[in-house]
Amino acid sequence: MCGLVGFVSKNENHNSNLNLLEKMSRSIYHRGPDDFGQYIYKNEIYLAHRRLSILDTSKNGSQPMQSQSGNFVIVFNGEIYNHLKIRNYLKTFKNIQWKSLSDTETLLESFDLIGINETLKIISGMFAIVLLNKEENKLYLMRDRIGEKPLYYGYNNNSFFFGSELKVFKENRYIDLNINSLALSKFFKLGYVPSPLSIYKNIFKLLPGCYLEYHNISSNFNKFELKKYWDLN
């Protein structure tokens, strides 16, 4: 199953941020009891991953994983069914010396070689992905076409947060978890809370077939935009 958590924080207290990251990841231990990893970039980007080992059970498949170029870092929940075909396709661009048998590495090198949009066009599977592009100073959140894998995000008190489950936000004292009355009324009417709403005002579900592009990580403001890469039509 696997699970991911993380945030972009303007809080300069590194120890406090690390403690928060560990609390958030501990709350989804059940999603990935096999392994735990974290990655910190410039004391601003904090990523953590709980792993349930499936395709490559060795440490070579551990996350967060960094691309061979060093420019991309990924945390990923899901499975890419055609990742071996993608590896063959990538041979036309570069002779990659693969370090693992994992679909995580396939995704990572594909994003690096052919870009976000092209990779999302050719992959088949279920996924929730967070990808850091150091060179462009951007963070991407991506969700599969039908929305099989969950991915939540929120912005509050000058920080941007994300995770595989709503419970990760309960560990975060920087987020005001006030009930969203519109989401509550939708729940009573439909029996569920439709995307992009969640039961909390400041937390949202990333829409299926969409990705979120977060800009200017190191700036004093936050800016992100949602882009649709697929729809049923």
Protein backbone atom coordinates (compact mmCIF):
# COMPACT_ATOMS: atom_id res chain seq x y z
CA MET A 1 0.00 0.00 0.00
CA CYS A 2 2.68 2.55 1.06
CA GLY A 3 2.12 6.06 2.33
CA LEU A 4 3.69 9.46 1.96
CA VAL A 5 3.73 12.72 3.89
CA GLY A 6 5.53 16.01 3.65
CA PHE A 7 5.43 19.76 3.67
CA VAL A 8 7.03 22.99 2.51
CA SER A 9 7.76 25.03 5.59
CA LYS A 10 8.95 28.57 6.24
CA ASN A 11 9.60 27.60 9.85
CA GLU A 12 13.40 27.82 10.26
CA ASN A 13 13.46 25.52 13.30
CA HIS A 14 14.87 22.39 11.68
CA ASN A 15 14.47 20.16 14.74
CA SER A 16 10.84 21.19 15.09
CA ASN A 17 10.23 20.40 11.42
CA LEU A 18 11.89 17.00 11.75
CA ASN A 19 9.79 16.18 14.77
CA LEU A 20 6.64 17.15 12.87
CA LEU A 21 7.65 15.02 9.87
CA GLU A 22 8.21 11.99 12.08
CA LYS A 23 4.85 12.46 13.84
CA MET A 24 3.03 12.75 10.53
CA SER A 25 4.72 9.65 9.10
CA ARG A 26 4.15 7.67 12.29
CA SER A 27 0.41 8.21 11.94
CA ILE A 28 0.40 6.15 8.71
CA TYR A 29 2.73 3.39 9.85
CA HIS A 30 0.06 0.84 8.92
CA ARG A 31 0.40 1.79 5.24
CA GLY A 32 4.06 0.76 5.08
CA PRO A 33 5.61 -1.24 7.91
CA ASP A 34 8.53 -2.59 5.84
CA ASP A 35 10.66 0.53 5.57
CA PHE A 36 10.83 4.23 6.42
CA GLY A 37 12.77 7.01 4.74
CA GLN A 38 12.93 10.78 4.73
CA TYR A 39 14.50 13.52 2.62
CA ILE A 40 15.08 17.17 3.54
CA TYR A 41 15.95 19.81 0.96
CA LYS A 42 17.36 23.19 2.03
CA ASN A 43 15.53 22.87 5.38
CA GLU A 44 12.36 23.82 3.49
CA ILE A 45 11.11 20.66 1.78
CA TYR A 46 10.42 17.71 4.07
CA LEU A 47 9.45 14.35 2.54
CA ALA A 48 8.82 11.01 4.24
CA HIS A 49 7.73 7.60 2.98
CA ARG A 50 6.32 4.46 4.58
CA ARG A 51 7.00 1.45 2.39
CA LEU A 52 5.20 -1.79 1.76
CA SER A 53 7.76 -3.68 -0.36
CA ILE A 54 6.29 -5.37 -3.43
CA LEU A 55 8.18 -5.19 -6.77
CA ASP A 56 11.70 -4.85 -5.39
CA THR A 57 11.91 -5.80 -1.74
CA SER A 58 15.58 -4.81 -1.42
CA LYS A 59 16.86 -1.48 -0.11
CA ASN A 60 17.42 -0.47 -3.74
CA GLY A 61 13.70 0.28 -3.93
CA SER A 62 13.60 2.45 -0.81
CA GLN A 63 12.11 5.92 -0.86
CA PRO A 64 12.46 8.87 -1.00
CA MET A 65 14.47 8.06 -4.13
CA GLN A 66 16.75 10.43 -6.02
CA SER A 67 17.26 10.36 -9.79
CA GLN A 68 20.65 9.50 -11.22
CA SER A 69 21.03 13.11 -12.35
CA GLY A 70 20.43 14.24 -8.76
CA ASN A 71 17.80 16.72 -9.88
CA PHE A 72 14.61 14.81 -8.99
CA VAL A 73 13.41 13.26 -5.74
CA ILE A 74 10.24 11.15 -5.52
CA VAL A 75 7.91 9.65 -2.95
CA PHE A 76 5.34 7.36 -4.51
CA ASN A 77 2.38 5.22 -3.48
CA GLY A 78 0.96 2.79 -6.00
CA GLU A 79 1.94 0.52 -8.84
CA ILE A 80 2.86 1.19 -12.48
CA TYR A 81 1.74 -1.83 -14.47
CA ASN A 82 3.68 -1.07 -17.65
CA HIS A 83 6.92 0.09 -16.08
CA LEU A 84 9.04 -2.55 -17.87
CA LYS A 85 7.70 -1.36 -21.24
CA ILE A 86 8.57 2.19 -20.22
CA ARG A 87 12.13 1.09 -19.44
CA ASN A 88 12.43 -0.26 -22.97
CA TYR A 89 11.02 2.98 -24.37
CA LEU A 90 13.52 5.06 -22.40
CA LYS A 91 16.38 3.18 -24.08
CA THR A 92 15.73 5.32 -27.15
CA PHE A 93 16.79 8.37 -25.13
CA LYS A 94 19.53 7.02 -22.88
CA ASN A 95 21.20 3.77 -21.88
CA ILE A 96 20.23 3.82 -18.21
CA GLN A 97 22.07 1.60 -15.76
CA TRP A 98 19.15 0.65 -13.54
CA LYS A 99 19.87 0.27 -9.84
CA SER A 100 16.67 -1.56 -8.91
CA LEU A 101 13.71 -3.52 -10.26
CA SER A 102 11.23 -1.01 -8.84
CA ASP A 103 8.63 0.98 -10.75
CA THR A 104 9.60 3.92 -8.56
CA GLU A 105 12.96 4.19 -10.31
CA THR A 106 11.24 3.82 -13.68
CA LEU A 107 8.98 6.77 -12.89
CA LEU A 108 11.84 8.85 -11.60
CA GLU A 109 14.08 8.42 -14.64
CA SER A 110 11.15 8.90 -16.99
CA PHE A 111 10.25 12.22 -15.38
CA ASP A 112 13.89 13.25 -15.70
CA LEU A 113 14.28 12.20 -19.35
CA ILE A 114 10.95 13.01 -21.01
CA GLY A 115 9.19 15.31 -18.52
CA ILE A 116 6.03 15.36 -16.42
CA ASN A 117 3.38 15.50 -19.11
CA GLU A 118 4.89 12.88 -21.39
CA THR A 119 5.40 10.47 -18.51
CA LEU A 120 1.82 10.90 -17.29
CA LYS A 121 0.60 10.15 -20.83
CA ILE A 122 2.34 6.80 -21.08
CA ILE A 123 2.08 5.32 -17.59
CA SER A 124 -0.66 2.85 -16.73
CA GLY A 125 -1.42 2.23 -13.09
CA MET A 126 -2.66 3.59 -9.82
CA PHE A 127 -0.59 6.20 -8.06
CA ALA A 128 -0.14 9.16 -5.79
CA ILE A 129 3.18 10.86 -6.50
CA VAL A 130 5.10 13.76 -5.00
CA LEU A 131 8.05 14.87 -7.11
CA LEU A 132 10.66 17.51 -6.29
CA ASN A 133 12.44 19.26 -9.17
CA LYS A 134 15.45 21.00 -7.64
CA GLU A 135 16.57 22.76 -10.81
CA GLU A 136 13.21 24.42 -11.42
CA ASN A 137 12.49 24.92 -7.73
CA LYS A 138 9.12 23.19 -8.05
CA LEU A 139 7.15 20.50 -6.29
CA TYR A 140 4.56 18.35 -8.05
CA LEU A 141 1.66 16.34 -6.61
CA MET A 142 0.08 13.84 -9.04
CA ARG A 143 -2.87 11.48 -8.82
CA ASP A 144 -3.90 8.63 -11.10
CA ARG A 145 -6.63 8.93 -13.72
CA ILE A 146 -9.49 7.43 -11.71
CA GLY A 147 -8.28 8.44 -8.24
CA GLU A 148 -7.58 4.97 -6.84
CA LYS A 149 -4.77 6.26 -4.64
CA PRO A 150 -5.57 9.08 -2.19
CA LEU A 151 -3.61 12.31 -1.92
CA TYR A 152 -4.55 15.27 0.28
CA TYR A 153 -3.01 18.73 0.48
CA GLY A 154 -3.52 21.93 2.40
CA TYR A 155 -2.16 25.41 2.87
CA ASN A 156 -2.24 27.14 6.23
CA ASN A 157 -0.09 29.57 8.25
CA ASN A 158 2.42 30.09 5.43
CA SER A 159 3.09 26.37 4.98
CA PHE A 160 2.01 23.78 2.40
CA PHE A 161 1.28 20.21 3.56
CA PHE A 162 0.36 16.91 1.92
CA GLY A 163 -0.22 13.27 2.80
CA SER A 164 -1.86 9.97 1.94
CA GLU A 165 -4.50 10.24 4.67
CA LEU A 166 -6.35 12.97 6.52
CA LYS A 167 -5.02 11.76 9.86
CA VAL A 168 -1.52 13.08 9.04
CA PHE A 169 -2.85 16.63 9.37
CA LYS A 170 -4.07 15.99 12.91
CA GLU A 171 -0.42 15.78 13.96
CA ASN A 172 0.19 19.28 12.70
CA ARG A 173 -0.40 22.15 15.11
CA TYR A 174 0.13 24.67 12.28
CA ILE A 175 -3.11 23.65 10.57
CA ASP A 176 -6.53 24.78 11.75
CA LEU A 177 -8.75 21.74 11.34
CA ASN A 178 -12.14 23.38 11.21
CA ILE A 179 -15.07 21.41 9.81
CA ASN A 180 -16.09 22.38 6.27
CA SER A 181 -19.88 22.91 6.46
CA LEU A 182 -20.27 22.50 2.68
CA ALA A 183 -18.44 19.15 2.79
CA LEU A 184 -20.60 18.08 5.72
CA SER A 185 -23.82 18.87 3.85
CA LYS A 186 -22.50 16.99 0.80
CA PHE A 187 -21.79 13.99 3.02
CA PHE A 188 -25.33 13.92 4.40
CA LYS A 189 -26.76 14.28 0.91
CA LEU A 190 -24.45 11.92 -1.04
CA GLY A 191 -23.02 9.61 1.61
CA TYR A 192 -19.47 10.75 0.84
CA VAL A 193 -17.42 13.95 0.49
CA PRO A 194 -16.75 14.66 -3.22
CA SER A 195 -13.36 15.86 -4.46
CA PRO A 196 -11.77 18.34 -4.17
CA LEU A 197 -13.41 18.87 -0.78
CA SER A 198 -12.46 17.15 2.45
CA ILE A 199 -14.22 17.33 5.81
CA TYR A 200 -11.77 20.10 6.81
CA LYS A 201 -11.85 23.64 5.42
CA ASN A 202 -8.17 23.97 4.63
CA ILE A 203 -7.53 20.44 3.36
CA PHE A 204 -8.37 19.24 -0.15
CA LYS A 205 -8.31 16.01 -2.14
CA LEU A 206 -6.28 16.24 -5.33
CA LEU A 207 -8.68 15.55 -8.18
CA PRO A 208 -8.22 12.35 -10.21
CA GLY A 209 -6.38 12.84 -13.49
CA CYS A 210 -4.78 16.03 -12.20
CA TYR A 211 -1.48 17.26 -10.91
CA LEU A 212 -0.62 20.21 -8.74
CA GLU A 213 2.41 22.36 -9.54
CA TYR A 214 3.84 24.24 -6.59
CA HIS A 215 6.09 27.18 -7.56
CA ASN A 216 8.83 29.20 -5.93
CA ILE A 217 9.67 26.94 -3.03
CA SER A 218 12.30 29.30 -1.64
CA SER A 219 10.25 32.49 -1.95
CA ASN A 220 8.32 34.23 0.80
CA PHE A 221 4.98 33.39 -0.77
CA ASN A 222 3.17 30.28 -1.90
CA LYS A 223 1.76 29.76 -5.36
CA PHE A 224 0.38 26.61 -6.88
CA GLU A 225 -1.83 25.69 -9.81
CA LEU A 226 -3.88 22.63 -10.72
CA LYS A 227 -3.54 21.06 -14.16
CA LYS A 228 -5.68 18.32 -15.68
CA TYR A 229 -3.73 15.76 -17.70
CA TRP A 230 -6.57 13.29 -18.40
CA ASP A 231 -10.35 13.06 -18.48
CA LEU A 232 -12.84 10.37 -19.44
CA ASN A 233 -13.64 11.93 -22.81
